[in-house]
N, C-alpha and C. Protein backbone atom coordinates (compact mmCIF):
# COMPACT_ATOMS: atom_id res chain seq x y z
N MET A 1 26.10 6.30 -10.15
CA MET A 1 24.53 6.82 -10.09
C MET A 1 23.62 6.18 -10.84
N LYS A 2 22.45 5.54 -10.02
CA LYS A 2 21.37 5.15 -10.92
C LYS A 2 20.54 6.37 -11.77
N GLN A 3 20.02 6.00 -12.93
CA GLN A 3 19.18 6.70 -13.73
C GLN A 3 17.97 7.10 -12.98
N ARG A 4 17.76 8.35 -12.74
CA ARG A 4 16.51 8.96 -12.48
C ARG A 4 15.29 8.27 -13.25
N ILE A 5 14.10 7.85 -12.54
CA ILE A 5 13.29 7.16 -13.25
C ILE A 5 11.91 8.42 -13.09
N ASP A 6 11.12 8.51 -14.19
CA ASP A 6 10.46 9.77 -14.55
C ASP A 6 8.95 9.16 -14.34
N LEU A 7 8.29 8.72 -13.06
CA LEU A 7 7.07 8.32 -12.64
C LEU A 7 5.82 9.11 -12.85
N GLY A 8 6.14 10.20 -13.45
CA GLY A 8 5.21 11.33 -14.00
C GLY A 8 4.81 11.02 -15.11
N ALA A 9 5.76 10.62 -15.91
CA ALA A 9 5.69 10.07 -17.60
C ALA A 9 4.75 8.81 -17.38
N GLU A 10 5.26 7.91 -16.55
CA GLU A 10 4.74 6.68 -16.58
C GLU A 10 3.34 6.88 -16.11
N THR A 11 2.96 7.88 -15.11
CA THR A 11 1.77 7.85 -14.72
C THR A 11 0.66 8.44 -16.02
N VAL A 12 1.29 9.40 -16.73
CA VAL A 12 0.42 10.31 -17.61
C VAL A 12 0.17 8.81 -18.61
N ALA A 13 1.07 8.11 -19.00
CA ALA A 13 0.94 6.99 -20.11
C ALA A 13 0.10 6.09 -19.80
N PHE A 14 -0.16 5.72 -18.60
CA PHE A 14 -0.96 4.86 -17.89
C PHE A 14 -2.38 5.30 -17.87
N VAL A 15 -2.59 6.73 -17.48
CA VAL A 15 -3.94 7.32 -17.36
C VAL A 15 -4.41 7.42 -18.78
N ARG A 16 -3.57 7.66 -19.77
CA ARG A 16 -3.90 8.06 -21.22
C ARG A 16 -4.63 6.46 -21.49
N GLN A 17 -3.70 5.46 -21.47
CA GLN A 17 -4.03 4.29 -21.89
C GLN A 17 -5.71 3.89 -21.30
N ARG A 18 -5.80 4.07 -20.01
CA ARG A 18 -6.92 3.61 -19.34
C ARG A 18 -8.12 4.53 -19.86
N VAL A 19 -7.90 6.01 -20.05
CA VAL A 19 -8.86 6.45 -20.58
C VAL A 19 -9.59 6.03 -22.04
N THR A 20 -8.47 5.77 -22.90
CA THR A 20 -8.65 5.27 -24.15
C THR A 20 -9.67 3.98 -23.87
N GLU A 21 -9.23 3.16 -23.22
CA GLU A 21 -9.98 1.77 -22.80
C GLU A 21 -11.62 2.17 -22.35
N ILE A 22 -11.50 2.97 -21.57
CA ILE A 22 -12.78 3.11 -20.89
C ILE A 22 -13.79 3.96 -21.64
N VAL A 23 -13.16 4.99 -22.25
CA VAL A 23 -14.10 5.99 -22.97
C VAL A 23 -14.21 5.04 -24.75
N GLY A 24 -13.21 4.73 -25.29
CA GLY A 24 -13.05 4.61 -26.72
C GLY A 24 -13.37 5.53 -27.58
N GLU A 25 -14.43 5.17 -28.59
CA GLU A 25 -15.16 6.26 -29.24
C GLU A 25 -16.33 6.78 -28.84
N ASN A 26 -16.95 6.28 -27.71
CA ASN A 26 -18.24 6.46 -27.34
C ASN A 26 -18.17 7.83 -26.29
N GLN A 27 -18.45 9.28 -26.48
CA GLN A 27 -18.57 10.10 -25.78
C GLN A 27 -19.22 9.75 -24.67
N GLU A 28 -20.23 9.11 -24.28
CA GLU A 28 -21.30 8.78 -23.23
C GLU A 28 -20.15 8.32 -22.14
N ASN A 29 -19.29 7.55 -22.24
CA ASN A 29 -18.61 6.76 -21.69
C ASN A 29 -17.56 7.47 -20.80
N ILE A 30 -17.37 8.78 -21.28
CA ILE A 30 -16.51 9.82 -20.17
C ILE A 30 -17.00 10.04 -19.28
N GLN A 31 -18.47 9.96 -18.95
CA GLN A 31 -19.16 10.19 -17.57
C GLN A 31 -18.74 9.12 -16.66
N THR A 32 -18.41 7.83 -17.26
CA THR A 32 -17.84 7.00 -16.07
C THR A 32 -16.73 7.12 -15.68
N ILE A 33 -15.84 7.93 -15.77
CA ILE A 33 -14.66 8.31 -15.25
C ILE A 33 -14.92 9.42 -13.76
N LYS A 34 -14.18 8.72 -12.85
CA LYS A 34 -14.12 9.68 -11.75
C LYS A 34 -12.37 9.96 -11.64
N PHE A 35 -11.94 10.98 -11.44
CA PHE A 35 -10.33 11.14 -11.10
C PHE A 35 -10.10 12.53 -10.51
N GLU A 36 -10.52 12.37 -9.29
CA GLU A 36 -10.18 13.53 -8.17
C GLU A 36 -8.94 14.09 -7.85
N MET A 37 -8.19 14.83 -8.60
CA MET A 37 -7.02 15.40 -8.67
C MET A 37 -6.39 15.80 -7.16
N LYS A 38 -7.40 16.61 -6.60
CA LYS A 38 -6.96 16.85 -5.13
C LYS A 38 -6.45 15.53 -4.05
N GLU A 39 -7.32 14.73 -4.79
CA GLU A 39 -7.25 13.39 -3.59
C GLU A 39 -5.91 12.62 -4.19
N VAL A 40 -5.85 12.51 -5.43
CA VAL A 40 -4.53 11.99 -5.79
C VAL A 40 -3.25 12.54 -5.47
N LYS A 41 -3.48 13.77 -5.73
CA LYS A 41 -2.09 14.84 -5.31
C LYS A 41 -1.82 14.28 -3.92
N GLU A 42 -2.77 14.16 -2.89
CA GLU A 42 -2.74 13.79 -1.83
C GLU A 42 -2.10 12.47 -1.42
N GLN A 43 -2.41 11.45 -2.05
CA GLN A 43 -2.04 10.29 -2.31
C GLN A 43 -0.88 10.13 -2.44
N ILE A 44 -0.45 10.73 -3.50
CA ILE A 44 0.86 10.45 -4.25
C ILE A 44 1.94 11.18 -2.84
N PHE A 45 1.62 12.36 -2.55
CA PHE A 45 2.42 13.19 -1.60
C PHE A 45 2.54 11.86 -0.40
N ARG A 46 1.66 11.40 -0.16
CA ARG A 46 1.64 10.39 1.52
C ARG A 46 2.25 9.44 0.88
N LEU A 47 2.24 8.67 -0.26
CA LEU A 47 2.97 7.63 -0.50
C LEU A 47 4.78 7.59 -0.50
N PHE A 48 5.06 9.18 -1.04
CA PHE A 48 6.41 9.07 -0.97
C PHE A 48 6.96 9.45 0.34
N TYR A 49 6.21 10.55 1.18
CA TYR A 49 6.32 10.98 2.36
C TYR A 49 6.38 9.78 3.48
N ASP A 50 5.19 9.32 3.43
CA ASP A 50 5.23 8.12 4.58
C ASP A 50 6.07 6.84 4.42
N TYR A 51 6.37 6.58 3.29
CA TYR A 51 7.33 5.12 3.12
C TYR A 51 8.87 5.78 3.43
N GLN A 52 9.13 6.99 3.56
CA GLN A 52 10.42 6.92 4.19
C GLN A 52 10.50 7.20 5.56
N VAL A 53 9.38 7.71 5.99
CA VAL A 53 8.79 7.92 7.56
C VAL A 53 8.93 6.45 8.14
N VAL A 54 8.07 5.85 7.80
CA VAL A 54 8.15 4.13 8.12
C VAL A 54 9.19 3.58 8.05
N ARG A 55 10.32 3.98 7.45
CA ARG A 55 11.82 3.53 7.30
C ARG A 55 12.64 4.15 8.15
N ASN A 56 12.14 5.11 8.80
CA ASN A 56 13.01 6.05 9.69
C ASN A 56 14.44 6.52 8.74
N TRP A 57 14.06 7.03 7.55
CA TRP A 57 15.15 7.45 6.67
C TRP A 57 15.29 8.78 7.02
N PRO A 58 16.55 9.13 6.90
CA PRO A 58 16.59 10.83 7.19
C PRO A 58 16.39 11.88 5.92
N HIS A 59 16.25 12.65 6.29
CA HIS A 59 15.70 14.08 5.33
C HIS A 59 14.51 13.76 4.58
N VAL A 60 13.63 13.38 5.22
CA VAL A 60 12.37 12.97 4.60
C VAL A 60 11.74 14.06 3.62
N ALA A 61 11.81 15.43 4.47
CA ALA A 61 10.84 16.65 4.00
C ALA A 61 11.85 16.68 2.54
N ALA A 62 13.43 16.67 2.60
CA ALA A 62 14.11 17.34 1.70
C ALA A 62 13.92 16.17 0.30
N ASN A 63 14.04 15.02 0.76
CA ASN A 63 13.73 13.98 -0.31
C ASN A 63 12.30 14.19 -1.16
N THR A 64 11.41 14.29 0.00
CA THR A 64 9.97 14.38 -0.70
C THR A 64 10.06 15.52 -1.69
N ALA A 65 10.54 16.77 -0.98
CA ALA A 65 10.48 17.85 -1.91
C ALA A 65 11.30 17.68 -3.32
N GLU A 66 12.36 17.08 -3.04
CA GLU A 66 13.27 16.91 -4.60
C GLU A 66 12.26 15.93 -5.47
N ILE A 67 11.87 14.88 -5.11
CA ILE A 67 11.07 13.82 -5.81
C ILE A 67 9.92 14.58 -6.41
N LEU A 68 8.94 15.33 -5.70
CA LEU A 68 7.97 15.86 -6.13
C LEU A 68 8.02 17.27 -6.60
N ALA A 69 9.40 17.78 -6.61
CA ALA A 69 9.74 19.22 -7.14
C ALA A 69 8.63 20.28 -6.75
N ILE A 70 8.46 20.17 -5.52
CA ILE A 70 8.05 21.46 -4.53
C ILE A 70 9.04 21.71 -3.51
N SER A 71 8.65 23.02 -2.60
CA SER A 71 9.49 23.57 -1.83
C SER A 71 9.39 22.68 -0.74
N GLU A 72 10.78 22.52 0.35
CA GLU A 72 10.60 21.73 1.63
C GLU A 72 9.81 22.26 2.44
N MET A 73 9.55 23.88 2.44
CA MET A 73 8.41 24.41 3.40
C MET A 73 7.26 23.86 2.99
N HIS A 74 6.64 23.62 1.75
CA HIS A 74 5.60 23.33 1.08
C HIS A 74 5.19 21.83 1.82
N VAL A 75 6.42 20.82 1.55
CA VAL A 75 6.23 19.32 2.12
C VAL A 75 5.84 19.77 3.93
N HIS A 76 6.55 20.61 4.53
CA HIS A 76 6.35 20.67 5.98
C HIS A 76 4.79 21.05 6.07
N ARG A 77 4.38 21.80 5.30
CA ARG A 77 2.85 22.30 5.39
C ARG A 77 1.98 21.39 5.07
N LEU A 78 2.29 20.43 4.10
CA LEU A 78 1.40 19.39 3.53
C LEU A 78 1.26 18.23 4.68
N ALA A 79 2.64 17.86 5.26
CA ALA A 79 2.59 16.99 6.59
C ALA A 79 1.78 17.40 7.49
N LYS A 80 1.98 18.53 8.15
CA LYS A 80 1.48 19.29 9.13
C LYS A 80 0.06 19.25 9.15
N ASN A 81 -0.53 19.82 7.63
CA ASN A 81 -2.01 19.87 7.57
C ASN A 81 -2.93 18.53 7.59
N ARG A 82 -1.92 17.63 7.04
CA ARG A 82 -2.54 16.57 7.11
C ARG A 82 -3.18 15.95 8.86
N GLY A 83 -2.49 16.64 9.86
CA GLY A 83 -2.83 15.89 10.99
C GLY A 83 -1.99 15.04 11.78
N LYS A 84 -0.65 14.90 11.05
CA LYS A 84 0.26 13.77 11.41
C LYS A 84 1.55 14.65 11.46
N LYS A 85 2.10 14.57 12.61
CA LYS A 85 3.41 15.36 12.83
C LYS A 85 4.30 14.22 12.95
N TYR A 86 5.38 14.30 11.95
CA TYR A 86 6.64 13.19 11.99
C TYR A 86 7.66 14.17 12.29
């Protein structure tokens, strides 16, 4: 079995690096950052969910739930609320 890759840790490391590059030691630069958490969460959900749907893979909701550490019921709700039914 392949080793599990923690994309969450990689994402945090990337964002930390970018904030350091953008802000540096100038506190006024913090105002130049835009990071809409709700939109980012939606895009990440869609990335994992749609990636599987497009490929006609089985168990999309279960796989997505496991990857994102959320319930399968929540995956169904997110997919439905988006207006797309798979």
